[in-house]
PDB file of N, CA and C in Angstrom:
ATOM      1  N   MET A   1      13.416  25.041  -6.734  1.00  0.00           N
ATOM      2  CA  MET A   1      11.968  24.839  -6.695  1.00  0.00           C
ATOM      3  C   MET A   1      11.552  24.108  -7.976  1.00  0.00           C
ATOM      4  N   ILE A   2      10.691  23.129  -7.813  1.00  0.00           N
ATOM      5  CA  ILE A   2      10.233  22.336  -8.956  1.00  0.00           C
ATOM      6  C   ILE A   2       8.701  22.252  -8.910  1.00  0.00           C
ATOM      7  N   ASP A   3       8.073  22.356 -10.080  1.00  0.00           N
ATOM      8  CA  ASP A   3       6.620  22.188 -10.173  1.00  0.00           C
ATOM      9  C   ASP A   3       6.332  20.707 -10.384  1.00  0.00           C
ATOM     10  N   VAL A   4       5.426  20.170  -9.569  1.00  0.00           N
ATOM     11  CA  VAL A   4       5.023  18.769  -9.707  1.00  0.00           C
ATOM     12  C   VAL A   4       3.535  18.750 -10.051  1.00  0.00           C
ATOM     13  N   LEU A   5       3.200  18.121 -11.174  1.00  0.00           N
ATOM     14  CA  LEU A   5       1.821  18.056 -11.643  1.00  0.00           C
ATOM     15  C   LEU A   5       1.318  16.628 -11.540  1.00  0.00           C
ATOM     16  N   TYR A   6       0.044  16.498 -11.156  1.00  0.00           N
ATOM     17  CA  TYR A   6      -0.593  15.193 -11.016  1.00  0.00           C
ATOM     18  C   TYR A   6      -1.832  15.146 -11.910  1.00  0.00           C
ATOM     19  N   PHE A   7      -1.988  14.049 -12.645  1.00  0.00           N
ATOM     20  CA  PHE A   7      -3.110  13.918 -13.563  1.00  0.00           C
ATOM     21  C   PHE A   7      -3.922  12.651 -13.277  1.00  0.00           C
ATOM     22  N   ALA A   8      -5.195  12.698 -13.664  1.00  0.00           N
ATOM     23  CA  ALA A   8      -6.122  11.553 -13.590  1.00  0.00           C
ATOM     24  C   ALA A   8      -6.209  11.017 -12.165  1.00  0.00           C
ATOM     25  N   TRP A   9      -6.122   9.696 -11.982  1.00  0.00           N
ATOM     26  CA  TRP A   9      -6.302   9.124 -10.654  1.00  0.00           C
ATOM     27  C   TRP A   9      -5.175   9.489  -9.695  1.00  0.00           C
ATOM     28  N   VAL A  10      -4.021   9.894 -10.219  1.00  0.00           N
ATOM     29  CA  VAL A  10      -2.939  10.342  -9.340  1.00  0.00           C
ATOM     30  C   VAL A  10      -3.398  11.611  -8.603  1.00  0.00           C
ATOM     31  N   ARG A  11      -3.994  12.526  -9.349  1.00  0.00           N
ATOM     32  CA  ARG A  11      -4.524  13.759  -8.758  1.00  0.00           C
ATOM     33  C   ARG A  11      -5.634  13.441  -7.755  1.00  0.00           C
ATOM     34  N   GLU A  12      -6.489  12.497  -8.096  1.00  0.00           N
ATOM     35  CA  GLU A  12      -7.592  12.133  -7.199  1.00  0.00           C
ATOM     36  C   GLU A  12      -7.073  11.569  -5.877  1.00  0.00           C
ATOM     37  N   ARG A  13      -6.052  10.737  -5.928  1.00  0.00           N
ATOM     38  CA  ARG A  13      -5.521  10.142  -4.699  1.00  0.00           C
ATOM     39  C   ARG A  13      -4.790  11.163  -3.836  1.00  0.00           C
ATOM     40  N   ILE A  14      -4.065  12.069  -4.475  1.00  0.00           N
ATOM     41  CA  ILE A  14      -3.304  13.063  -3.719  1.00  0.00           C
ATOM     42  C   ILE A  14      -4.191  14.239  -3.305  1.00  0.00           C
ATOM     43  N   GLY A  15      -5.161  14.567  -4.157  1.00  0.00           N
ATOM     44  CA  GLY A  15      -6.074  15.655  -3.828  1.00  0.00           C
ATOM     45  C   GLY A  15      -5.599  17.020  -4.277  1.00  0.00           C
ATOM     46  N   LEU A  16      -4.563  17.041  -5.105  1.00  0.00           N
ATOM     47  CA  LEU A  16      -4.023  18.296  -5.636  1.00  0.00           C
ATOM     48  C   LEU A  16      -3.718  18.135  -7.121  1.00  0.00           C
ATOM     49  N   PRO A  17      -3.934  19.178  -7.913  1.00  0.00           N
ATOM     50  CA  PRO A  17      -3.545  19.089  -9.323  1.00  0.00           C
ATOM     51  C   PRO A  17      -2.058  19.380  -9.527  1.00  0.00           C
ATOM     52  N   ARG A  18      -1.471  20.175  -8.618  1.00  0.00           N
ATOM     53  CA  ARG A  18      -0.062  20.552  -8.753  1.00  0.00           C
ATOM     54  C   ARG A  18       0.432  21.131  -7.443  1.00  0.00           C
ATOM     55  N   GLU A  19       1.741  21.141  -7.284  1.00  0.00           N
ATOM     56  CA  GLU A  19       2.352  21.803  -6.138  1.00  0.00           C
ATOM     57  C   GLU A  19       3.793  22.155  -6.486  1.00  0.00           C
ATOM     58  N   GLN A  20       4.322  23.124  -5.781  1.00  0.00           N
ATOM     59  CA  GLN A  20       5.730  23.502  -5.939  1.00  0.00           C
ATOM     60  C   GLN A  20       6.493  22.933  -4.760  1.00  0.00           C
ATOM     61  N   LEU A  21       7.604  22.281  -5.060  1.00  0.00           N
ATOM     62  CA  LEU A  21       8.385  21.626  -4.020  1.00  0.00           C
ATOM     63  C   LEU A  21       9.827  22.084  -4.036  1.00  0.00           C
ATOM     64  N   GLU A  22      10.384  22.158  -2.867  1.00  0.00           N
ATOM     65  CA  GLU A  22      11.818  22.318  -2.688  1.00  0.00           C
ATOM     66  C   GLU A  22      12.323  20.907  -2.445  1.00  0.00           C
ATOM     67  N   THR A  23      13.225  20.418  -3.264  1.00  0.00           N
ATOM     68  CA  THR A  23      13.672  19.023  -3.141  1.00  0.00           C
ATOM     69  C   THR A  23      15.172  18.911  -3.332  1.00  0.00           C
ATOM     70  N   GLN A  24      15.730  17.914  -2.701  1.00  0.00           N
ATOM     71  CA  GLN A  24      17.144  17.565  -2.892  1.00  0.00           C
ATOM     72  C   GLN A  24      17.268  16.328  -3.778  1.00  0.00           C
ATOM     73  N   ALA A  25      16.153  15.851  -4.317  1.00  0.00           N
ATOM     74  CA  ALA A  25      16.141  14.636  -5.130  1.00  0.00           C
ATOM     75  C   ALA A  25      17.025  14.792  -6.363  1.00  0.00           C
ATOM     76  N   ALA A  26      17.823  13.765  -6.643  1.00  0.00           N
ATOM     77  CA  ALA A  26      18.684  13.770  -7.818  1.00  0.00           C
ATOM     78  C   ALA A  26      17.998  13.152  -9.033  1.00  0.00           C
ATOM     79  N   THR A  27      17.078  12.206  -8.769  1.00  0.00           N
ATOM     80  CA  THR A  27      16.374  11.512  -9.849  1.00  0.00           C
ATOM     81  C   THR A  27      14.876  11.518  -9.567  1.00  0.00           C
ATOM     82  N   VAL A  28      14.107  11.095 -10.558  1.00  0.00           N
ATOM     83  CA  VAL A  28      12.664  10.970 -10.362  1.00  0.00           C
ATOM     84  C   VAL A  28      12.374   9.959  -9.255  1.00  0.00           C
ATOM     85  N   ASN A  29      13.101   8.849  -9.238  1.00  0.00           N
ATOM     86  CA  ASN A  29      12.903   7.858  -8.174  1.00  0.00           C
ATOM     87  C   ASN A  29      13.129   8.457  -6.794  1.00  0.00           C
ATOM     88  N   ASP A  30      14.137   9.318  -6.663  1.00  0.00           N
ATOM     89  CA  ASP A  30      14.399   9.989  -5.388  1.00  0.00           C
ATOM     90  C   ASP A  30      13.227  10.891  -5.006  1.00  0.00           C
ATOM     91  N   LEU A  31      12.685  11.611  -5.989  1.00  0.00           N
ATOM     92  CA  LEU A  31      11.542  12.481  -5.741  1.00  0.00           C
ATOM     93  C   LEU A  31      10.332  11.660  -5.288  1.00  0.00           C
ATOM     94  N   VAL A  32      10.093  10.543  -5.965  1.00  0.00           N
ATOM     95  CA  VAL A  32       8.977   9.662  -5.585  1.00  0.00           C
ATOM     96  C   VAL A  32       9.161   9.170  -4.151  1.00  0.00           C
ATOM     97  N   ALA A  33      10.380   8.802  -3.778  1.00  0.00           N
ATOM     98  CA  ALA A  33      10.648   8.346  -2.414  1.00  0.00           C
ATOM     99  C   ALA A  33      10.331   9.453  -1.404  1.00  0.00           C
ATOM    100  N   GLU A  34      10.719  10.692  -1.721  1.00  0.00           N
ATOM    101  CA  GLU A  34      10.405  11.829  -0.845  1.00  0.00           C
ATOM    102  C   GLU A  34       8.893  12.005  -0.719  1.00  0.00           C
ATOM    103  N   LEU A  35       8.193  11.935  -1.843  1.00  0.00           N
ATOM    104  CA  LEU A  35       6.741  12.117  -1.828  1.00  0.00           C
ATOM    105  C   LEU A  35       6.058  10.999  -1.045  1.00  0.00           C
ATOM    106  N   ARG A  36       6.461   9.763  -1.272  1.00  0.00           N
ATOM    107  CA  ARG A  36       5.841   8.618  -0.580  1.00  0.00           C
ATOM    108  C   ARG A  36       6.009   8.719   0.927  1.00  0.00           C
ATOM    109  N   ALA A  37       7.098   9.317   1.371  1.00  0.00           N
ATOM    110  CA  ALA A  37       7.367   9.436   2.804  1.00  0.00           C
ATOM    111  C   ALA A  37       6.553  10.544   3.471  1.00  0.00           C
ATOM    112  N   ARG A  38       5.916  11.398   2.672  1.00  0.00           N
ATOM    113  CA  ARG A  38       5.191  12.542   3.220  1.00  0.00           C
ATOM    114  C   ARG A  38       3.957  12.150   4.012  1.00  0.00           C
ATOM    115  N   GLU A  39       3.088  11.360   3.395  1.00  0.00           N
ATOM    116  CA  GLU A  39       1.842  10.962   4.050  1.00  0.00           C
ATOM    117  C   GLU A  39       1.156   9.862   3.238  1.00  0.00           C
ATOM    118  N   PRO A  40       0.156   9.191   3.816  1.00  0.00           N
ATOM    119  CA  PRO A  40      -0.459   8.023   3.162  1.00  0.00           C
ATOM    120  C   PRO A  40      -1.046   8.291   1.780  1.00  0.00           C
ATOM    121  N   ARG A  41      -1.570   9.470   1.529  1.00  0.00           N
ATOM    122  CA  ARG A  41      -2.167   9.707   0.194  1.00  0.00           C
ATOM    123  C   ARG A  41      -1.105   9.651  -0.905  1.00  0.00           C
ATOM    124  N   TYR A  42       0.116  10.066  -0.608  1.00  0.00           N
ATOM    125  CA  TYR A  42       1.198   9.963  -1.597  1.00  0.00           C
ATOM    126  C   TYR A  42       1.639   8.510  -1.742  1.00  0.00           C
ATOM    127  N   GLU A  43       1.679   7.796  -0.642  1.00  0.00           N
ATOM    128  CA  GLU A  43       2.012   6.373  -0.695  1.00  0.00           C
ATOM    129  C   GLU A  43       1.006   5.634  -1.577  1.00  0.00           C
ATOM    130  N   ALA A  44      -0.273   5.978  -1.464  1.00  0.00           N
ATOM    131  CA  ALA A  44      -1.313   5.354  -2.281  1.00  0.00           C
ATOM    132  C   ALA A  44      -1.128   5.684  -3.758  1.00  0.00           C
ATOM    133  N   ALA A  45      -0.760   6.913  -4.055  1.00  0.00           N
ATOM    134  CA  ALA A  45      -0.604   7.335  -5.448  1.00  0.00           C
ATOM    135  C   ALA A  45       0.634   6.720  -6.104  1.00  0.00           C
ATOM    136  N   PHE A  46       1.701   6.540  -5.326  1.00  0.00           N
ATOM    137  CA  PHE A  46       2.971   6.074  -5.891  1.00  0.00           C
ATOM    138  C   PHE A  46       3.326   4.647  -5.468  1.00  0.00           C
ATOM    139  N   GLY A  47       2.340   3.903  -5.015  1.00  0.00           N
ATOM    140  CA  GLY A  47       2.588   2.542  -4.554  1.00  0.00           C
ATOM    141  C   GLY A  47       3.003   1.576  -5.650  1.00  0.00           C
ATOM    142  N   ASP A  48       2.550   1.800  -6.872  1.00  0.00           N
ATOM    143  CA  ASP A  48       2.857   0.901  -7.990  1.00  0.00           C
ATOM    144  C   ASP A  48       3.346   1.741  -9.170  1.00  0.00           C
ATOM    145  N   LEU A  49       4.652   1.912  -9.268  1.00  0.00           N
ATOM    146  CA  LEU A  49       5.212   2.762 -10.320  1.00  0.00           C
ATOM    147  C   LEU A  49       5.000   2.185 -11.718  1.00  0.00           C
ATOM    148  N   SER A  50       4.743   0.884 -11.821  1.00  0.00           N
ATOM    149  CA  SER A  50       4.490   0.313 -13.150  1.00  0.00           C
ATOM    150  C   SER A  50       3.178   0.840 -13.733  1.00  0.00           C
ATOM    151  N   ALA A  51       2.319   1.412 -12.880  1.00  0.00           N
ATOM    152  CA  ALA A  51       1.044   1.973 -13.324  1.00  0.00           C
ATOM    153  C   ALA A  51       1.153   3.473 -13.594  1.00  0.00           C
ATOM    154  N   LEU A  52       2.373   4.008 -13.594  1.00  0.00           N
ATOM    155  CA  LEU A  52       2.571   5.438 -13.788  1.00  0.00           C
ATOM    156  C   LEU A  52       3.561   5.731 -14.899  1.00  0.00           C
ATOM    157  N   ARG A  53       3.414   6.901 -15.466  1.00  0.00           N
ATOM    158  CA  ARG A  53       4.374   7.453 -16.409  1.00  0.00           C
ATOM    159  C   ARG A  53       4.803   8.804 -15.863  1.00  0.00           C
ATOM    160  N   VAL A  54       5.948   9.273 -16.339  1.00  0.00           N
ATOM    161  CA  VAL A  54       6.458  10.562 -15.881  1.00  0.00           C
ATOM    162  C   VAL A  54       6.972  11.357 -17.076  1.00  0.00           C
ATOM    163  N   ALA A  55       6.752  12.662 -17.025  1.00  0.00           N
ATOM    164  CA  ALA A  55       7.291  13.572 -18.035  1.00  0.00           C
ATOM    165  C   ALA A  55       8.093  14.653 -17.321  1.00  0.00           C
ATOM    166  N   LEU A  56       9.254  14.959 -17.868  1.00  0.00           N
ATOM    167  CA  LEU A  56      10.106  16.019 -17.344  1.00  0.00           C
ATOM    168  C   LEU A  56      10.104  17.162 -18.345  1.00  0.00           C
ATOM    169  N   ASP A  57       9.667  18.321 -17.899  1.00  0.00           N
ATOM    170  CA  ASP A  57       9.534  19.478 -18.789  1.00  0.00           C
ATOM    171  C   ASP A  57       8.796  19.097 -20.079  1.00  0.00           C
ATOM    172  N   GLN A  58       7.727  18.336 -19.916  1.00  0.00           N
ATOM    173  CA  GLN A  58       6.792  17.923 -20.964  1.00  0.00           C
ATOM    174  C   GLN A  58       7.357  16.906 -21.952  1.00  0.00           C
ATOM    175  N   ASP A  59       8.460  16.248 -21.577  1.00  0.00           N
ATOM    176  CA  ASP A  59       9.010  15.167 -22.399  1.00  0.00           C
ATOM    177  C   ASP A  59       8.927  13.870 -21.604  1.00  0.00           C
ATOM    178  N   LEU A  60       8.345  12.831 -22.208  1.00  0.00           N
ATOM    179  CA  LEU A  60       8.228  11.534 -21.557  1.00  0.00           C
ATOM    180  C   LEU A  60       9.609  11.058 -21.125  1.00  0.00           C
ATOM    181  N   SER A  61       9.697  10.544 -19.916  1.00  0.00           N
ATOM    182  CA  SER A  61      10.994  10.173 -19.368  1.00  0.00           C
ATOM    183  C   SER A  61      10.886   8.890 -18.556  1.00  0.00           C
ATOM    184  N   ASP A  62      11.990   8.518 -17.904  1.00  0.00           N
ATOM    185  CA  ASP A  62      12.063   7.331 -17.059  1.00  0.00           C
ATOM    186  C   ASP A  62      12.215   7.746 -15.604  1.00  0.00           C
ATOM    187  N   PHE A  63      11.891   6.837 -14.701  1.00  0.00           N
ATOM    188  CA  PHE A  63      11.978   7.136 -13.282  1.00  0.00           C
ATOM    189  C   PHE A  63      13.416   7.238 -12.784  1.00  0.00           C
ATOM    190  N   ASP A  64      14.377   6.727 -13.551  1.00  0.00           N
ATOM    191  CA  ASP A  64      15.778   6.859 -13.142  1.00  0.00           C
ATOM    192  C   ASP A  64      16.440   8.100 -13.744  1.00  0.00           C
ATOM    193  N   ALA A  65      15.658   8.938 -14.425  1.00  0.00           N
ATOM    194  CA  ALA A  65      16.192  10.144 -15.064  1.00  0.00           C
ATOM    195  C   ALA A  65      16.594  11.188 -14.021  1.00  0.00           C
ATOM    196  N   SER A  66      17.614  11.940 -14.374  1.00  0.00           N
ATOM    197  CA  SER A  66      18.109  13.016 -13.519  1.00  0.00           C
ATOM    198  C   SER A  66      17.128  14.189 -13.501  1.00  0.00           C
ATOM    199  N   LEU A  67      17.047  14.849 -12.356  1.00  0.00           N
ATOM    200  CA  LEU A  67      16.213  16.050 -12.232  1.00  0.00           C
ATOM    201  C   LEU A  67      17.031  17.330 -12.398  1.00  0.00           C
ATOM    202  N   GLU A  68      18.295  17.198 -12.716  1.00  0.00           N
ATOM    203  CA  GLU A  68      19.148  18.376 -12.864  1.00  0.00           C
ATOM    204  C   GLU A  68      18.607  19.289 -13.959  1.00  0.00           C
ATOM    205  N   GLY A  69      18.323  20.534 -13.602  1.00  0.00           N
ATOM    206  CA  GLY A  69      17.826  21.520 -14.553  1.00  0.00           C
ATOM    207  C   GLY A  69      16.351  21.403 -14.885  1.00  0.00           C
ATOM    208  N   VAL A  70      15.666  20.422 -14.332  1.00  0.00           N
ATOM    209  CA  VAL A  70      14.242  20.205 -14.625  1.00  0.00           C
ATOM    210  C   VAL A  70      13.399  21.195 -13.832  1.00  0.00           C
ATOM    211  N   ARG A  71      12.414  21.788 -14.500  1.00  0.00           N
ATOM    212  CA  ARG A  71      11.517  22.750 -13.849  1.00  0.00           C
ATOM    213  C   ARG A  71      10.149  22.145 -13.542  1.00  0.00           C
ATOM    214  N   GLU A  72       9.753  21.106 -14.317  1.00  0.00           N
ATOM    215  CA  GLU A  72       8.416  20.535 -14.152  1.00  0.00           C
ATOM    216  C   GLU A  72       8.462  19.025 -14.265  1.00  0.00           C
ATOM    217  N   VAL A  73       7.814  18.354 -13.310  1.00  0.00           N
ATOM    218  CA  VAL A  73       7.658  16.907 -13.331  1.00  0.00           C
ATOM    219  C   VAL A  73       6.165  16.609 -13.327  1.00  0.00           C
ATOM    220  N   ALA A  74       5.708  15.792 -14.259  1.00  0.00           N
ATOM    221  CA  ALA A  74       4.294  15.426 -14.329  1.00  0.00           C
ATOM    222  C   ALA A  74       4.151  13.919 -14.186  1.00  0.00           C
ATOM    223  N   PHE A  75       3.211  13.516 -13.328  1.00  0.00           N
ATOM    224  CA  PHE A  75       2.916  12.092 -13.129  1.00  0.00           C
ATOM    225  C   PHE A  75       1.509  11.805 -13.646  1.00  0.00           C
ATOM    226  N   PHE A  76       1.362  10.708 -14.387  1.00  0.00           N
ATOM    227  CA  PHE A  76       0.063  10.375 -14.975  1.00  0.00           C
ATOM    228  C   PHE A  76       0.037   8.885 -15.304  1.00  0.00           C
ATOM    229  N   PRO A  77      -1.177   8.316 -15.403  1.00  0.00           N
ATOM    230  CA  PRO A  77      -1.288   6.910 -15.810  1.00  0.00           C
ATOM    231  C   PRO A  77      -0.981   6.789 -17.301  1.00  0.00           C
ATOM    232  N   PRO A  78      -0.650   5.580 -17.750  1.00  0.00           N
ATOM    233  CA  PRO A  78      -0.400   5.378 -19.179  1.00  0.00           C
ATOM    234  C   PRO A  78      -1.615   5.807 -20.004  1.00  0.00           C
ATOM    235  N   MET A  79      -1.339   6.393 -21.139  1.00  0.00           N
ATOM    236  CA  MET A  79      -2.420   6.826 -22.029  1.00  0.00           C
ATOM    237  C   MET A  79      -2.775   5.693 -22.978  1.00  0.00           C
ATOM    238  N   THR A  80      -4.038   5.585 -23.284  1.00  0.00           N
ATOM    239  CA  THR A  80      -4.471   4.567 -24.225  1.00  0.00           C
ATOM    240  C   THR A  80      -4.838   5.227 -25.541  1.00  0.00           C
ATOM    241  N   GLY A  81      -4.536   4.559 -26.622  1.00  0.00           N
ATOM    242  CA  GLY A  81      -4.877   5.085 -27.941  1.00  0.00           C
ATOM    243  C   GLY A  81      -6.265   4.615 -28.362  1.00  0.00           C
ATOM    244  N   GLY A  82      -6.762   5.232 -29.429  1.00  0.00           N
ATOM    245  CA  GLY A  82      -8.081   4.791 -29.846  1.00  0.00           C
ATOM    246  C   GLY A  82      -8.360   5.055 -31.278  1.00  0.00           C
TER     247      GLY A  82
END
């Protein structure tokens, strides 16, 4: 079981702040593919991965990163400094 968190416009498009998933995904990209196949709102949220960032267990990561041992995946748009 893995916790998946959605922030900012990702949450708005999906309509959930978080969910727990049972997944066979080996990488973040695999997880995204599973999510996109679920229904159109996920396809809308994950249609352009260049507009997204991902954190695994609260550490910024890459979409090709392994999910082995990961308990939490968070998706969010890039943060801007100020």
